[in-house]
PDB file of all heavy atoms in Angstrom:
ATOM      1  N   GLY A   1      27.119 -44.352 -21.056  1.00  0.00           N
ATOM      2  CA  GLY A   1      27.614 -43.814 -22.306  1.00  0.00           C
ATOM      3  C   GLY A   1      28.551 -44.710 -23.069  1.00  0.00           C
ATOM      4  O   GLY A   1      28.818 -44.461 -24.246  1.00  0.00           O
ATOM      5  N   MET A   2      29.068 -45.786 -22.429  1.00  0.00           N
ATOM      6  CA  MET A   2      30.044 -46.634 -23.126  1.00  0.00           C
ATOM      7  C   MET A   2      29.502 -48.046 -23.353  1.00  0.00           C
ATOM      8  O   MET A   2      30.252 -48.974 -23.601  1.00  0.00           O
ATOM      9  CB  MET A   2      31.363 -46.692 -22.347  1.00  0.00           C
ATOM     10  CG  MET A   2      31.273 -46.957 -20.854  1.00  0.00           C
ATOM     11  SD  MET A   2      30.937 -48.658 -20.388  1.00  0.00           S
ATOM     12  CE  MET A   2      32.462 -49.425 -20.852  1.00  0.00           C
ATOM     13  N   ILE A   3      28.188 -48.180 -23.339  1.00  0.00           N
ATOM     14  CA  ILE A   3      27.578 -49.507 -23.424  1.00  0.00           C
ATOM     15  C   ILE A   3      26.590 -49.584 -24.588  1.00  0.00           C
ATOM     16  O   ILE A   3      26.071 -48.575 -25.059  1.00  0.00           O
ATOM     17  CB  ILE A   3      26.864 -49.877 -22.106  1.00  0.00           C
ATOM     18  CG1 ILE A   3      25.800 -48.798 -21.728  1.00  0.00           C
ATOM     19  CG2 ILE A   3      27.873 -50.000 -20.989  1.00  0.00           C
ATOM     20  CD1 ILE A   3      24.450 -48.995 -22.270  1.00  0.00           C
ATOM     21  N   ARG A   4      26.357 -50.801 -25.029  1.00  0.00           N
ATOM     22  CA  ARG A   4      25.213 -51.093 -25.908  1.00  0.00           C
ATOM     23  C   ARG A   4      24.014 -51.485 -25.069  1.00  0.00           C
ATOM     24  O   ARG A   4      22.894 -51.029 -25.289  1.00  0.00           O
ATOM     25  CB  ARG A   4      25.566 -52.227 -26.869  1.00  0.00           C
ATOM     26  CG  ARG A   4      26.457 -51.840 -28.044  1.00  0.00           C
ATOM     27  CD  ARG A   4      26.534 -53.002 -29.012  1.00  0.00           C
ATOM     28  NE  ARG A   4      27.459 -52.775 -30.104  1.00  0.00           N
ATOM     29  CZ  ARG A   4      27.183 -52.127 -31.225  1.00  0.00           C
ATOM     30  NH1 ARG A   4      25.984 -51.591 -31.394  1.00  0.00           N
ATOM     31  NH2 ARG A   4      28.087 -51.990 -32.166  1.00  0.00           N
ATOM     32  N   SER A   5      24.258 -52.381 -24.104  1.00  0.00           N
ATOM     33  CA  SER A   5      23.180 -52.823 -23.224  1.00  0.00           C
ATOM     34  C   SER A   5      23.790 -53.333 -21.926  1.00  0.00           C
ATOM     35  O   SER A   5      24.935 -53.788 -21.900  1.00  0.00           O
ATOM     36  CB  SER A   5      22.357 -53.936 -23.880  1.00  0.00           C
ATOM     37  OG  SER A   5      23.158 -55.089 -24.092  1.00  0.00           O
ATOM     38  N   VAL A   6      23.000 -53.248 -20.852  1.00  0.00           N
ATOM     39  CA  VAL A   6      23.442 -53.703 -19.534  1.00  0.00           C
ATOM     40  C   VAL A   6      22.347 -54.561 -18.916  1.00  0.00           C
ATOM     41  O   VAL A   6      21.164 -54.207 -18.955  1.00  0.00           O
ATOM     42  CB  VAL A   6      23.749 -52.508 -18.596  1.00  0.00           C
ATOM     43  CG1 VAL A   6      24.106 -53.000 -17.191  1.00  0.00           C
ATOM     44  CG2 VAL A   6      24.865 -51.656 -19.154  1.00  0.00           C
ATOM     45  N   SER A   7      22.737 -55.685 -18.381  1.00  0.00           N
ATOM     46  CA  SER A   7      21.853 -56.495 -17.555  1.00  0.00           C
ATOM     47  C   SER A   7      22.699 -57.110 -16.449  1.00  0.00           C
ATOM     48  O   SER A   7      23.936 -57.020 -16.479  1.00  0.00           O
ATOM     49  CB  SER A   7      21.183 -57.601 -18.381  1.00  0.00           C
ATOM     50  OG  SER A   7      22.103 -58.642 -18.662  1.00  0.00           O
ATOM     51  N   PHE A   8      22.044 -57.742 -15.482  1.00  0.00           N
ATOM     52  CA  PHE A   8      22.820 -58.386 -14.419  1.00  0.00           C
ATOM     53  C   PHE A   8      23.489 -59.667 -14.898  1.00  0.00           C
ATOM     54  O   PHE A   8      24.297 -60.251 -14.185  1.00  0.00           O
ATOM     55  CB  PHE A   8      21.936 -58.642 -13.200  1.00  0.00           C
ATOM     56  CG  PHE A   8      21.599 -57.375 -12.473  1.00  0.00           C
ATOM     57  CD1 PHE A   8      20.300 -56.883 -12.478  1.00  0.00           C
ATOM     58  CD2 PHE A   8      22.574 -56.659 -11.801  1.00  0.00           C
ATOM     59  CE1 PHE A   8      19.987 -55.708 -11.825  1.00  0.00           C
ATOM     60  CE2 PHE A   8      22.272 -55.483 -11.145  1.00  0.00           C
ATOM     61  CZ  PHE A   8      20.976 -55.003 -11.155  1.00  0.00           C
ATOM     62  N   ASP A   9      23.183 -60.053 -16.106  1.00  0.00           N
ATOM     63  CA  ASP A   9      23.876 -61.208 -16.694  1.00  0.00           C
ATOM     64  C   ASP A   9      25.128 -60.792 -17.451  1.00  0.00           C
ATOM     65  O   ASP A   9      25.962 -61.632 -17.790  1.00  0.00           O
ATOM     66  CB  ASP A   9      22.934 -61.964 -17.649  1.00  0.00           C
ATOM     67  CG  ASP A   9      21.772 -62.600 -16.915  1.00  0.00           C
ATOM     68  OD1 ASP A   9      21.998 -63.087 -15.784  1.00  0.00           O
ATOM     69  OD2 ASP A   9      20.658 -62.599 -17.458  1.00  0.00           O
ATOM     70  N   GLY A  10      25.280 -59.495 -17.714  1.00  0.00           N
ATOM     71  CA  GLY A  10      26.465 -59.039 -18.429  1.00  0.00           C
ATOM     72  C   GLY A  10      26.192 -57.754 -19.189  1.00  0.00           C
ATOM     73  O   GLY A  10      25.048 -57.292 -19.301  1.00  0.00           O
ATOM     74  N   THR A  11      27.257 -57.184 -19.736  1.00  0.00           N
ATOM     75  CA  THR A  11      27.191 -55.918 -20.452  1.00  0.00           C
ATOM     76  C   THR A  11      27.804 -56.064 -21.831  1.00  0.00           C
ATOM     77  O   THR A  11      28.844 -56.699 -21.989  1.00  0.00           O
ATOM     78  CB  THR A  11      27.934 -54.817 -19.663  1.00  0.00           C
ATOM     79  OG1 THR A  11      27.247 -54.588 -18.425  1.00  0.00           O
ATOM     80  CG2 THR A  11      28.002 -53.518 -20.442  1.00  0.00           C
ATOM     81  N   ARG A  12      27.158 -55.465 -22.819  1.00  0.00           N
ATOM     82  CA  ARG A  12      27.710 -55.367 -24.163  1.00  0.00           C
ATOM     83  C   ARG A  12      28.178 -53.931 -24.362  1.00  0.00           C
ATOM     84  O   ARG A  12      27.423 -52.980 -24.121  1.00  0.00           O
ATOM     85  CB  ARG A  12      26.659 -55.742 -25.209  1.00  0.00           C
ATOM     86  CG  ARG A  12      26.202 -57.186 -25.132  1.00  0.00           C
ATOM     87  CD  ARG A  12      25.010 -57.455 -26.054  1.00  0.00           C
ATOM     88  NE  ARG A  12      25.337 -57.172 -27.445  1.00  0.00           N
ATOM     89  CZ  ARG A  12      24.654 -56.335 -28.226  1.00  0.00           C
ATOM     90  NH1 ARG A  12      23.600 -55.673 -27.731  1.00  0.00           N
ATOM     91  NH2 ARG A  12      25.004 -56.149 -29.496  1.00  0.00           N
ATOM     92  N   PHE A  13      29.430 -53.770 -24.805  1.00  0.00           N
ATOM     93  CA  PHE A  13      30.035 -52.452 -24.880  1.00  0.00           C
ATOM     94  C   PHE A  13      29.831 -51.814 -26.248  1.00  0.00           C
ATOM     95  O   PHE A  13      29.742 -52.495 -27.275  1.00  0.00           O
ATOM     96  CB  PHE A  13      31.531 -52.539 -24.565  1.00  0.00           C
ATOM     97  CG  PHE A  13      31.813 -53.078 -23.193  1.00  0.00           C
ATOM     98  CD1 PHE A  13      32.469 -54.290 -23.029  1.00  0.00           C
ATOM     99  CD2 PHE A  13      31.400 -52.384 -22.067  1.00  0.00           C
ATOM    100  CE1 PHE A  13      32.723 -54.795 -21.770  1.00  0.00           C
ATOM    101  CE2 PHE A  13      31.636 -52.887 -20.795  1.00  0.00           C
ATOM    102  CZ  PHE A  13      32.301 -54.092 -20.647  1.00  0.00           C
ATOM    103  N   ALA A  14      29.798 -50.484 -26.237  1.00  0.00           N
ATOM    104  CA  ALA A  14      29.682 -49.716 -27.469  1.00  0.00           C
ATOM    105  C   ALA A  14      31.001 -49.783 -28.241  1.00  0.00           C
ATOM    106  O   ALA A  14      32.062 -50.050 -27.663  1.00  0.00           O
ATOM    107  CB  ALA A  14      29.342 -48.270 -27.142  1.00  0.00           C
ATOM    108  N   PRO A  15      30.965 -49.528 -29.532  1.00  0.00           N
ATOM    109  CA  PRO A  15      32.218 -49.444 -30.294  1.00  0.00           C
ATOM    110  C   PRO A  15      32.959 -48.163 -29.944  1.00  0.00           C
ATOM    111  O   PRO A  15      32.391 -47.236 -29.337  1.00  0.00           O
ATOM    112  CB  PRO A  15      31.732 -49.439 -31.743  1.00  0.00           C
ATOM    113  CG  PRO A  15      30.368 -48.830 -31.678  1.00  0.00           C
ATOM    114  CD  PRO A  15      29.776 -49.297 -30.374  1.00  0.00           C
ATOM    115  N   PRO A  16      34.227 -48.054 -30.339  1.00  0.00           N
ATOM    116  CA  PRO A  16      34.947 -46.786 -30.159  1.00  0.00           C
ATOM    117  C   PRO A  16      34.297 -45.685 -30.997  1.00  0.00           C
ATOM    118  O   PRO A  16      33.701 -45.976 -32.026  1.00  0.00           O
ATOM    119  CB  PRO A  16      36.354 -47.099 -30.683  1.00  0.00           C
ATOM    120  CG  PRO A  16      36.460 -48.598 -30.628  1.00  0.00           C
ATOM    121  CD  PRO A  16      35.077 -49.114 -30.895  1.00  0.00           C
ATOM    122  N   PRO A  17      34.361 -44.446 -30.568  1.00  0.00           N
ATOM    123  CA  PRO A  17      35.080 -43.968 -29.391  1.00  0.00           C
ATOM    124  C   PRO A  17      34.259 -44.008 -28.113  1.00  0.00           C
ATOM    125  O   PRO A  17      34.809 -43.828 -27.030  1.00  0.00           O
ATOM    126  CB  PRO A  17      35.400 -42.521 -29.764  1.00  0.00           C
ATOM    127  CG  PRO A  17      34.233 -42.111 -30.621  1.00  0.00           C
ATOM    128  CD  PRO A  17      33.878 -43.324 -31.426  1.00  0.00           C
ATOM    129  N   ALA A  18      32.933 -44.254 -28.216  1.00  0.00           N
ATOM    130  CA  ALA A  18      32.078 -44.222 -27.025  1.00  0.00           C
ATOM    131  C   ALA A  18      32.566 -45.205 -25.970  1.00  0.00           C
ATOM    132  O   ALA A  18      32.451 -44.939 -24.765  1.00  0.00           O
ATOM    133  CB  ALA A  18      30.630 -44.530 -27.410  1.00  0.00           C
ATOM    134  N   ARG A  19      33.123 -46.324 -26.393  1.00  0.00           N
ATOM    135  CA  ARG A  19      33.610 -47.343 -25.458  1.00  0.00           C
ATOM    136  C   ARG A  19      34.588 -46.770 -24.439  1.00  0.00           C
ATOM    137  O   ARG A  19      34.693 -47.266 -23.309  1.00  0.00           O
ATOM    138  CB  ARG A  19      34.288 -48.463 -26.242  1.00  0.00           C
ATOM    139  CG  ARG A  19      34.855 -49.582 -25.398  1.00  0.00           C
ATOM    140  CD  ARG A  19      35.576 -50.602 -26.251  1.00  0.00           C
ATOM    141  NE  ARG A  19      34.675 -51.174 -27.250  1.00  0.00           N
ATOM    142  CZ  ARG A  19      35.065 -51.998 -28.225  1.00  0.00           C
ATOM    143  NH1 ARG A  19      36.348 -52.324 -28.340  1.00  0.00           N
ATOM    144  NH2 ARG A  19      34.198 -52.480 -29.081  1.00  0.00           N
ATOM    145  N   PHE A  20      35.302 -45.717 -24.822  1.00  0.00           N
ATOM    146  CA  PHE A  20      36.338 -45.156 -23.959  1.00  0.00           C
ATOM    147  C   PHE A  20      35.940 -43.820 -23.340  1.00  0.00           C
ATOM    148  O   PHE A  20      36.784 -43.140 -22.754  1.00  0.00           O
ATOM    149  CB  PHE A  20      37.639 -44.990 -24.755  1.00  0.00           C
ATOM    150  CG  PHE A  20      38.105 -46.259 -25.407  1.00  0.00           C
ATOM    151  CD1 PHE A  20      38.045 -46.410 -26.781  1.00  0.00           C
ATOM    152  CD2 PHE A  20      38.576 -47.316 -24.644  1.00  0.00           C
ATOM    153  CE1 PHE A  20      38.463 -47.574 -27.392  1.00  0.00           C
ATOM    154  CE2 PHE A  20      38.996 -48.490 -25.245  1.00  0.00           C
ATOM    155  CZ  PHE A  20      38.936 -48.628 -26.624  1.00  0.00           C
ATOM    156  N   GLU A  21      34.665 -43.453 -23.453  1.00  0.00           N
ATOM    157  CA  GLU A  21      34.207 -42.174 -22.917  1.00  0.00           C
ATOM    158  C   GLU A  21      33.085 -42.392 -21.909  1.00  0.00           C
ATOM    159  O   GLU A  21      31.960 -41.909 -22.060  1.00  0.00           O
ATOM    160  CB  GLU A  21      33.766 -41.245 -24.057  1.00  0.00           C
ATOM    161  CG  GLU A  21      34.910 -40.854 -24.980  1.00  0.00           C
ATOM    162  CD  GLU A  21      34.484 -39.911 -26.104  1.00  0.00           C
ATOM    163  OE1 GLU A  21      33.312 -39.469 -26.113  1.00  0.00           O
ATOM    164  OE2 GLU A  21      35.327 -39.612 -26.978  1.00  0.00           O
ATOM    165  N   ALA A  22      33.401 -43.121 -20.858  1.00  0.00           N
ATOM    166  CA  ALA A  22      32.404 -43.423 -19.828  1.00  0.00           C
ATOM    167  C   ALA A  22      31.998 -42.154 -19.080  1.00  0.00           C
ATOM    168  O   ALA A  22      32.826 -41.288 -18.793  1.00  0.00           O
ATOM    169  CB  ALA A  22      32.968 -44.447 -18.844  1.00  0.00           C
ATOM    170  N   GLY A  23      30.709 -42.063 -18.763  1.00  0.00           N
ATOM    171  CA  GLY A  23      30.219 -40.940 -17.977  1.00  0.00           C
ATOM    172  C   GLY A  23      29.961 -39.701 -18.820  1.00  0.00           C
ATOM    173  O   GLY A  23      30.075 -39.703 -20.041  1.00  0.00           O
ATOM    174  N   THR A  24      29.593 -38.635 -18.132  1.00  0.00           N
ATOM    175  CA  THR A  24      29.342 -37.372 -18.818  1.00  0.00           C
ATOM    176  C   THR A  24      30.655 -36.794 -19.317  1.00  0.00           C
ATOM    177  O   THR A  24      31.565 -36.566 -18.523  1.00  0.00           O
ATOM    178  CB  THR A  24      28.669 -36.367 -17.871  1.00  0.00           C
ATOM    179  OG1 THR A  24      27.384 -36.884 -17.484  1.00  0.00           O
ATOM    180  CG2 THR A  24      28.490 -35.015 -18.543  1.00  0.00           C
ATOM    181  N   PRO A  25      30.783 -36.551 -20.600  1.00  0.00           N
ATOM    182  CA  PRO A  25      32.052 -36.031 -21.119  1.00  0.00           C
ATOM    183  C   PRO A  25      32.203 -34.544 -20.845  1.00  0.00           C
ATOM    184  O   PRO A  25      31.256 -33.853 -20.455  1.00  0.00           O
ATOM    185  CB  PRO A  25      31.950 -36.309 -22.626  1.00  0.00           C
ATOM    186  CG  PRO A  25      30.484 -36.280 -22.907  1.00  0.00           C
ATOM    187  CD  PRO A  25      29.816 -36.831 -21.669  1.00  0.00           C
ATOM    188  N   HIS A  26      33.415 -34.055 -21.072  1.00  0.00           N
ATOM    189  CA  HIS A  26      33.712 -32.631 -20.909  1.00  0.00           C
ATOM    190  C   HIS A  26      33.284 -31.924 -22.197  1.00  0.00           C
ATOM    191  O   HIS A  26      34.094 -31.572 -23.050  1.00  0.00           O
ATOM    192  CB  HIS A  26      35.201 -32.464 -20.653  1.00  0.00           C
ATOM    193  CG  HIS A  26      35.619 -31.073 -20.265  1.00  0.00           C
ATOM    194  ND1 HIS A  26      34.720 -30.028 -20.107  1.00  0.00           N
ATOM    195  CD2 HIS A  26      36.849 -30.542 -19.998  1.00  0.00           C
ATOM    196  CE1 HIS A  26      35.371 -28.935 -19.770  1.00  0.00           C
ATOM    197  NE2 HIS A  26      36.669 -29.223 -19.704  1.00  0.00           N
ATOM    198  N   VAL A  27      31.965 -31.714 -22.316  1.00  0.00           N
ATOM    199  CA  VAL A  27      31.407 -31.171 -23.554  1.00  0.00           C
ATOM    200  C   VAL A  27      31.961 -29.779 -23.834  1.00  0.00           C
ATOM    201  O   VAL A  27      32.403 -29.475 -24.948  1.00  0.00           O
ATOM    202  CB  VAL A  27      29.863 -31.136 -23.479  1.00  0.00           C
ATOM    203  CG1 VAL A  27      29.283 -30.648 -24.794  1.00  0.00           C
ATOM    204  CG2 VAL A  27      29.316 -32.506 -23.118  1.00  0.00           C
ATOM    205  N   ALA A  28      31.949 -28.928 -22.816  1.00  0.00           N
ATOM    206  CA  ALA A  28      32.458 -27.565 -23.008  1.00  0.00           C
ATOM    207  C   ALA A  28      33.930 -27.591 -23.389  1.00  0.00           C
ATOM    208  O   ALA A  28      34.387 -26.775 -24.209  1.00  0.00           O
ATOM    209  CB  ALA A  28      32.247 -26.747 -21.742  1.00  0.00           C
ATOM    210  N   GLY A  29      34.684 -28.516 -22.800  1.00  0.00           N
ATOM    211  CA  GLY A  29      36.100 -28.621 -23.138  1.00  0.00           C
ATOM    212  C   GLY A  29      36.312 -29.018 -24.584  1.00  0.00           C
ATOM    213  O   GLY A  29      37.202 -28.488 -25.275  1.00  0.00           O
ATOM    214  N   ALA A  30      35.514 -29.977 -25.073  1.00  0.00           N
ATOM    215  CA  ALA A  30      35.636 -30.395 -26.474  1.00  0.00           C
ATOM    216  C   ALA A  30      35.299 -29.243 -27.415  1.00  0.00           C
ATOM    217  O   ALA A  30      35.961 -29.039 -28.442  1.00  0.00           O
ATOM    218  CB  ALA A  30      34.723 -31.592 -26.738  1.00  0.00           C
ATOM    219  N   ILE A  31      34.264 -28.476 -27.065  1.00  0.00           N
ATOM    220  CA  ILE A  31      33.892 -27.319 -27.880  1.00  0.00           C
ATOM    221  C   ILE A  31      35.017 -26.283 -27.867  1.00  0.00           C
ATOM    222  O   ILE A  31      35.382 -25.710 -28.907  1.00  0.00           O
ATOM    223  CB  ILE A  31      32.569 -26.727 -27.363  1.00  0.00           C
ATOM    224  CG1 ILE A  31      31.413 -27.679 -27.708  1.00  0.00           C
ATOM    225  CG2 ILE A  31      32.325 -25.332 -27.912  1.00  0.00           C
ATOM    226  CD1 ILE A  31      30.114 -27.352 -27.007  1.00  0.00           C
ATOM    227  N   GLY A  32      35.588 -26.048 -26.697  1.00  0.00           N
ATOM    228  CA  GLY A  32      36.709 -25.122 -26.606  1.00  0.00           C
ATOM    229  C   GLY A  32      37.927 -25.614 -27.361  1.00  0.00           C
ATOM    230  O   GLY A  32      38.661 -24.811 -27.964  1.00  0.00           O
ATOM    231  N   LEU A  33      38.159 -26.918 -27.353  1.00  0.00           N
ATOM    232  CA  LEU A  33      39.287 -27.485 -28.085  1.00  0.00           C
ATOM    233  C   LEU A  33      39.112 -27.296 -29.590  1.00  0.00           C
ATOM    234  O   LEU A  33      40.055 -26.931 -30.303  1.00  0.00           O
ATOM    235  CB  LEU A  33      39.430 -28.971 -27.738  1.00  0.00           C
ATOM    236  CG  LEU A  33      40.581 -29.736 -28.398  1.00  0.00           C
ATOM    237  CD1 LEU A  33      41.925 -29.077 -28.128  1.00  0.00           C
ATOM    238  CD2 LEU A  33      40.589 -31.186 -27.899  1.00  0.00           C
ATOM    239  N   ALA A  34      37.903 -27.528 -30.078  1.00  0.00           N
ATOM    240  CA  ALA A  34      37.639 -27.298 -31.505  1.00  0.00           C
ATOM    241  C   ALA A  34      37.811 -25.829 -31.862  1.00  0.00           C
ATOM    242  O   ALA A  34      38.353 -25.490 -32.926  1.00  0.00           O
ATOM    243  CB  ALA A  34      36.228 -27.770 -31.854  1.00  0.00           C
ATOM    244  N   ALA A  35      37.377 -24.939 -30.967  1.00  0.00           N
ATOM    245  CA  ALA A  35      37.554 -23.502 -31.215  1.00  0.00           C
ATOM    246  C   ALA A  35      39.040 -23.142 -31.245  1.00  0.00           C
ATOM    247  O   ALA A  35      39.466 -22.294 -32.038  1.00  0.00           O
ATOM    248  CB  ALA A  35      36.816 -22.696 -30.144  1.00  0.00           C
ATOM    249  N   ALA A  36      39.841 -23.783 -30.386  1.00  0.00           N
ATOM    250  CA  ALA A  36      41.278 -23.534 -30.379  1.00  0.00           C
ATOM    251  C   ALA A  36      41.925 -23.996 -31.682  1.00  0.00           C
ATOM    252  O   ALA A  36      42.822 -23.337 -32.215  1.00  0.00           O
ATOM    253  CB  ALA A  36      41.931 -24.235 -29.187  1.00  0.00           C
ATOM    254  N   VAL A  37      41.461 -25.131 -32.200  1.00  0.00           N
ATOM    255  CA  VAL A  37      41.966 -25.600 -33.488  1.00  0.00           C
ATOM    256  C   VAL A  37      41.610 -24.609 -34.588  1.00  0.00           C
ATOM    257  O   VAL A  37      42.446 -24.262 -35.435  1.00  0.00           O
ATOM    258  CB  VAL A  37      41.418 -27.007 -33.802  1.00  0.00           C
ATOM    259  CG1 VAL A  37      41.692 -27.391 -35.253  1.00  0.00           C
ATOM    260  CG2 VAL A  37      42.035 -28.035 -32.857  1.00  0.00           C
ATOM    261  N   ASP A  38      40.359 -24.140 -34.597  1.00  0.00           N
ATOM    262  CA  ASP A  38      39.957 -23.140 -35.586  1.00  0.00           C
ATOM    263  C   ASP A  38      40.840 -21.894 -35.484  1.00  0.00           C
ATOM    264  O   ASP A  38      41.293 -21.346 -36.499  1.00  0.00           O
ATOM    265  CB  ASP A  38      38.491 -22.743 -35.382  1.00  0.00           C
ATOM    266  CG  ASP A  38      37.517 -23.787 -35.900  1.00  0.00           C
ATOM    267  OD1 ASP A  38      37.942 -24.665 -36.663  1.00  0.00           O
ATOM    268  OD2 ASP A  38      36.331 -23.705 -35.543  1.00  0.00           O
ATOM    269  N   TRP A  39      41.070 -21.447 -34.259  1.00  0.00           N
ATOM    270  CA  TRP A  39      41.882 -20.246 -34.054  1.00  0.00           C
ATOM    271  C   TRP A  39      43.324 -20.480 -34.511  1.00  0.00           C
ATOM    272  O   TRP A  39      43.897 -19.659 -35.237  1.00  0.00           O
ATOM    273  CB  TRP A  39      41.861 -19.854 -32.573  1.00  0.00           C
ATOM    274  CG  TRP A  39      42.640 -18.605 -32.305  1.00  0.00           C
ATOM    275  CD1 TRP A  39      42.187 -17.319 -32.408  1.00  0.00           C
ATOM    276  CD2 TRP A  39      44.016 -18.519 -31.949  1.00  0.00           C
ATOM    277  NE1 TRP A  39      43.201 -16.437 -32.123  1.00  0.00           N
ATOM    278  CE2 TRP A  39      44.344 -17.151 -31.837  1.00  0.00           C
ATOM    279  CE3 TRP A  39      45.010 -19.460 -31.700  1.00  0.00           C
ATOM    280  CZ2 TRP A  39      45.614 -16.701 -31.498  1.00  0.00           C
ATOM    281  CZ3 TRP A  39      46.285 -19.026 -31.360  1.00  0.00           C
ATOM    282  CH2 TRP A  39      46.586 -17.660 -31.258  1.00  0.00           C
ATOM    283  N   LEU A  40      43.893 -21.612 -34.105  1.00  0.00           N
ATOM    284  CA  LEU A  40      45.285 -21.913 -34.429  1.00  0.00           C
ATOM    285  C   LEU A  40      45.481 -22.047 -35.940  1.00  0.00           C
ATOM    286  O   LEU A  40      46.433 -21.504 -36.512  1.00  0.00           O
ATOM    287  CB  LEU A  40      45.706 -23.191 -33.716  1.00  0.00           C
ATOM    288  CG  LEU A  40      47.164 -23.628 -33.806  1.00  0.00           C
ATOM    289  CD1 LEU A  40      48.085 -22.560 -33.244  1.00  0.00           C
ATOM    290  CD2 LEU A  40      47.359 -24.949 -33.072  1.00  0.00           C
ATOM    291  N   GLU A  41      44.565 -22.739 -36.591  1.00  0.00           N
ATOM    292  CA  GLU A  41      44.710 -22.945 -38.029  1.00  0.00           C
ATOM    293  C   GLU A  41      44.305 -21.712 -38.833  1.00  0.00           C
ATOM    294  O   GLU A  41      44.548 -21.655 -40.039  1.00  0.00           O
ATOM    295  CB  GLU A  41      43.927 -24.181 -38.467  1.00  0.00           C
ATOM    296  CG  GLU A  41      44.522 -25.466 -37.891  1.00  0.00           C
ATOM    297  CD  GLU A  41      44.191 -26.686 -38.711  1.00  0.00           C
ATOM    298  OE1 GLU A  41      43.089 -26.739 -39.279  1.00  0.00           O
ATOM    299  OE2 GLU A  41      45.052 -27.587 -38.771  1.00  0.00           O
ATOM    300  N   GLY A  42      43.711 -20.728 -38.170  1.00  0.00           N
ATOM    301  CA  GLY A  42      43.461 -19.462 -38.829  1.00  0.00           C
ATOM    302  C   GLY A  42      44.690 -18.585 -38.934  1.00  0.00           C
ATOM    303  O   GLY A  42      44.682 -17.580 -39.640  1.00  0.00           O
ATOM    304  N   LEU A  43      45.749 -18.952 -38.184  1.00  0.00           N
ATOM    305  CA  LEU A  43      47.004 -18.215 -38.265  1.00  0.00           C
ATOM    306  C   LEU A  43      47.774 -18.603 -39.528  1.00  0.00           C
ATOM    307  O   LEU A  43      47.578 -19.691 -40.075  1.00  0.00           O
ATOM    308  CB  LEU A  43      47.885 -18.532 -37.050  1.00  0.00           C
ATOM    309  CG  LEU A  43      47.372 -18.173 -35.661  1.00  0.00           C
ATOM    310  CD1 LEU A  43      48.350 -18.692 -34.607  1.00  0.00           C
ATOM    311  CD2 LEU A  43      47.185 -16.666 -35.512  1.00  0.00           C
ATOM    312  N   ASP A  44      48.670 -17.752 -39.928  1.00  0.00           N
ATOM    313  CA  ASP A  44      49.684 -18.120 -40.911  1.00  0.00           C
ATOM    314  C   ASP A  44      50.736 -18.896 -40.127  1.00  0.00           C
ATOM    315  O   ASP A  44      51.646 -18.307 -39.526  1.00  0.00           O
ATOM    316  CB  ASP A  44      50.267 -16.855 -41.548  1.00  0.00           C
ATOM    317  CG  ASP A  44      51.343 -17.165 -42.586  1.00  0.00           C
ATOM    318  OD1 ASP A  44      51.927 -18.263 -42.540  1.00  0.00           O
ATOM    319  OD2 ASP A  44      51.609 -16.294 -43.424  1.00  0.00           O
ATOM    320  N   ARG A  45      50.609 -20.212 -40.106  1.00  0.00           N
ATOM    321  CA  ARG A  45      51.443 -21.000 -39.203  1.00  0.00           C
ATOM    322  C   ARG A  45      52.932 -20.961 -39.549  1.00  0.00           C
ATOM    323  O   ARG A  45      53.772 -20.916 -38.641  1.00  0.00           O
ATOM    324  CB  ARG A  45      50.931 -22.440 -39.106  1.00  0.00           C
ATOM    325  CG  ARG A  45      49.532 -22.503 -38.481  1.00  0.00           C
ATOM    326  CD  ARG A  45      49.200 -23.858 -37.918  1.00  0.00           C
ATOM    327  NE  ARG A  45      49.959 -24.111 -36.701  1.00  0.00           N
ATOM    328  CZ  ARG A  45      49.897 -25.266 -36.015  1.00  0.00           C
ATOM    329  NH1 ARG A  45      49.136 -26.243 -36.469  1.00  0.00           N
ATOM    330  NH2 ARG A  45      50.601 -25.441 -34.915  1.00  0.00           N
ATOM    331  N   PRO A  46      53.325 -20.973 -40.817  1.00  0.00           N
ATOM    332  CA  PRO A  46      54.760 -20.805 -41.095  1.00  0.00           C
ATOM    333  C   PRO A  46      55.304 -19.478 -40.562  1.00  0.00           C
ATOM    334  O   PRO A  46      56.414 -19.434 -40.020  1.00  0.00           O
ATOM    335  CB  PRO A  46      54.831 -20.888 -42.620  1.00  0.00           C
ATOM    336  CG  PRO A  46      53.658 -21.736 -43.004  1.00  0.00           C
ATOM    337  CD  PRO A  46      52.572 -21.334 -42.042  1.00  0.00           C
TER     338      PRO A  46
END
């Protein structure tokens, strides 16, 4: 997930943000985080 290409001669890395998200990400967590932002910003924050 954080690469452009891989060979035994070397690896070319993906640009950010993928470069820093190696492996299977916490997809459900990201969805829950976005839902929390929606919920929080739905409040009258002042």
